[in-house]
């Protein structure tokens, strides 16, 4: 690369302008390449988020997790996957346990919320209890 000869202030301003244009061109090219890579990797991100949603346990309550885990293990491994292979039995029970935990956690949360609302609902004429 040849360095331009700068003899005056105008030459310096021209070189500065040339370098700014070159920088903007390179930034635009780099942003285009990054956009292309993001578009190519978008399906992979969708797959990873779907797998993460299935593999993560849904309930925060350890009683729900352990109860559903025990029930699924007893039923699926003991009856349904009794004669299946090792991978099928483990993978099948894992997926069913996670899905069941998520469904039960959602239902349990809604049920607990409804019960709390019913028990904390006060009648208009009654004052709140004083301590």
Protein backbone atom coordinates (compact mmCIF):
# COMPACT_ATOMS: atom_id res chain seq x y z
CA UNK A 1 0.00 0.00 0.00
CA UNK A 2 1.40 3.34 -1.00
CA UNK A 3 1.25 6.11 1.53
CA UNK A 4 0.00 9.32 -0.01
CA UNK A 5 2.29 12.29 0.18
CA UNK A 6 0.75 14.99 2.33
CA UNK A 7 2.29 18.39 1.71
CA UNK A 8 -0.52 20.72 2.65
CA UNK A 9 -3.54 21.03 4.86
CA UNK A 10 -5.82 20.36 1.88
CA UNK A 11 -3.97 17.09 1.19
CA UNK A 12 -4.51 16.12 4.82
CA UNK A 13 -8.24 16.85 4.58
CA UNK A 14 -8.51 14.86 1.32
CA UNK A 15 -6.72 11.89 2.92
CA UNK A 16 -8.97 12.10 5.96
CA UNK A 17 -12.05 12.11 3.72
CA UNK A 18 -10.71 9.15 1.71
CA UNK A 19 -10.04 7.16 4.88
CA UNK A 20 -13.52 7.93 6.28
CA UNK A 21 -15.13 6.73 3.04
CA UNK A 22 -13.01 3.59 3.11
CA UNK A 23 -13.99 2.96 6.75
CA UNK A 24 -17.71 3.41 6.00
CA UNK A 25 -17.44 1.04 3.03
CA UNK A 26 -15.73 -1.60 5.16
CA UNK A 27 -18.31 -1.17 7.95
CA UNK A 28 -21.17 -1.64 5.48
CA UNK A 29 -19.51 -4.75 4.02
CA UNK A 30 -18.92 -6.21 7.48
CA UNK A 31 -22.53 -5.52 8.54
CA UNK A 32 -23.74 -7.24 5.39
CA UNK A 33 -21.65 -10.31 6.13
CA UNK A 34 -22.87 -10.41 9.73
CA UNK A 35 -26.47 -10.17 8.51
CA UNK A 36 -25.88 -13.08 6.10
CA UNK A 37 -24.44 -15.23 8.89
CA UNK A 38 -27.41 -14.41 11.16
CA UNK A 39 -29.85 -15.36 8.40
CA UNK A 40 -28.04 -18.66 7.82
CA UNK A 41 -27.98 -19.48 11.54
CA UNK A 42 -31.59 -18.50 12.29
CA UNK A 43 -32.95 -22.07 11.86
CA UNK A 44 -30.29 -23.40 14.22
CA UNK A 45 -31.35 -20.87 16.88
CA UNK A 46 -34.97 -21.92 16.50
CA UNK A 47 -34.06 -25.59 16.95
CA UNK A 48 -31.90 -24.86 20.00
CA UNK A 49 -34.62 -22.80 21.69
CA UNK A 50 -37.18 -25.54 21.03
CA UNK A 51 -34.91 -28.21 22.49
CA UNK A 52 -34.15 -25.96 25.47
CA UNK A 53 -37.86 -25.50 26.10
CA UNK A 54 -38.48 -29.23 26.10
CA UNK A 55 -35.46 -30.19 28.16
CA UNK A 56 -35.92 -27.60 30.93
CA UNK A 57 -38.07 -28.56 33.87
CA UNK A 58 -41.09 -26.27 34.10
CA UNK A 59 -42.03 -26.36 37.76
CA UNK A 60 -40.15 -24.41 40.40
CA UNK A 61 -41.78 -26.37 43.20
CA UNK A 62 -39.62 -29.38 44.11
CA UNK A 63 -42.67 -31.32 45.33
CA UNK A 64 -44.28 -31.10 41.89
CA UNK A 65 -41.03 -32.04 40.18
CA UNK A 66 -40.35 -35.07 42.35
CA UNK A 67 -43.96 -36.28 42.41
CA UNK A 68 -44.36 -36.12 38.65
CA UNK A 69 -40.90 -37.57 38.12
CA UNK A 70 -41.67 -40.52 40.36
CA UNK A 71 -45.07 -41.14 38.76
CA UNK A 72 -43.71 -40.94 35.22
CA UNK A 73 -40.77 -43.18 36.04
CA UNK A 74 -42.98 -45.80 37.66
CA UNK A 75 -45.54 -45.80 34.87
CA UNK A 76 -43.39 -45.36 31.79
CA UNK A 77 -40.31 -47.30 32.76
CA UNK A 78 -42.23 -50.00 34.58
CA UNK A 79 -44.98 -50.56 32.04
CA UNK A 80 -44.70 -48.71 28.78
CA UNK A 81 -40.95 -48.80 28.13
CA UNK A 82 -40.33 -52.11 29.88
CA UNK A 83 -39.31 -53.93 26.69
CA UNK A 84 -37.82 -50.97 24.83
CA UNK A 85 -34.16 -50.20 24.48
CA UNK A 86 -32.11 -48.24 26.95
CA UNK A 87 -31.98 -45.03 24.91
CA UNK A 88 -35.69 -45.10 24.06
CA UNK A 89 -36.69 -45.70 27.66
CA UNK A 90 -34.50 -42.97 29.10
CA UNK A 91 -35.20 -40.40 26.37
CA UNK A 92 -38.94 -41.10 26.29
CA UNK A 93 -39.37 -40.87 30.04
CA UNK A 94 -37.21 -37.73 30.16
CA UNK A 95 -39.32 -35.93 27.55
CA UNK A 96 -42.65 -37.04 29.02
CA UNK A 97 -41.51 -36.07 32.54
CA UNK A 98 -40.52 -32.57 31.40
CA UNK A 99 -43.71 -31.97 29.44
CA UNK A 100 -45.86 -33.28 32.31
CA UNK A 101 -44.00 -31.09 34.80
CA UNK A 102 -44.62 -28.00 32.68
CA UNK A 103 -48.31 -28.78 32.27
CA UNK A 104 -48.75 -29.57 35.95
CA UNK A 105 -46.84 -26.47 37.02
CA UNK A 106 -49.11 -24.27 34.92
CA UNK A 107 -52.25 -25.96 36.22
CA UNK A 108 -51.03 -25.92 39.82
CA UNK A 109 -50.13 -22.24 39.59
CA UNK A 110 -53.57 -21.35 38.26
CA UNK A 111 -55.27 -23.48 40.92
CA UNK A 112 -53.25 -21.97 43.76
CA UNK A 113 -53.95 -18.47 42.43
CA UNK A 114 -57.69 -19.16 42.36
CA UNK A 115 -57.64 -20.55 45.90
CA UNK A 116 -55.72 -17.56 47.21
CA UNK A 117 -58.19 -15.18 45.60
CA UNK A 118 -61.15 -17.04 47.15
CA UNK A 119 -59.68 -17.10 50.64
CA UNK A 120 -58.42 -13.53 50.63
CA UNK A 121 -61.60 -12.06 49.18
CA UNK A 122 -63.28 -9.94 51.85
CA UNK A 123 -66.91 -9.05 52.07
CA UNK A 124 -67.59 -5.31 51.81
CA UNK A 125 -69.07 -4.94 55.32
CA UNK A 126 -66.35 -6.76 57.26
CA UNK A 127 -63.25 -4.88 58.41
CA UNK A 128 -59.82 -6.45 58.09
CA UNK A 129 -58.40 -8.21 61.16
CA UNK A 130 -56.26 -6.00 63.41
CA UNK A 131 -53.16 -7.29 65.17
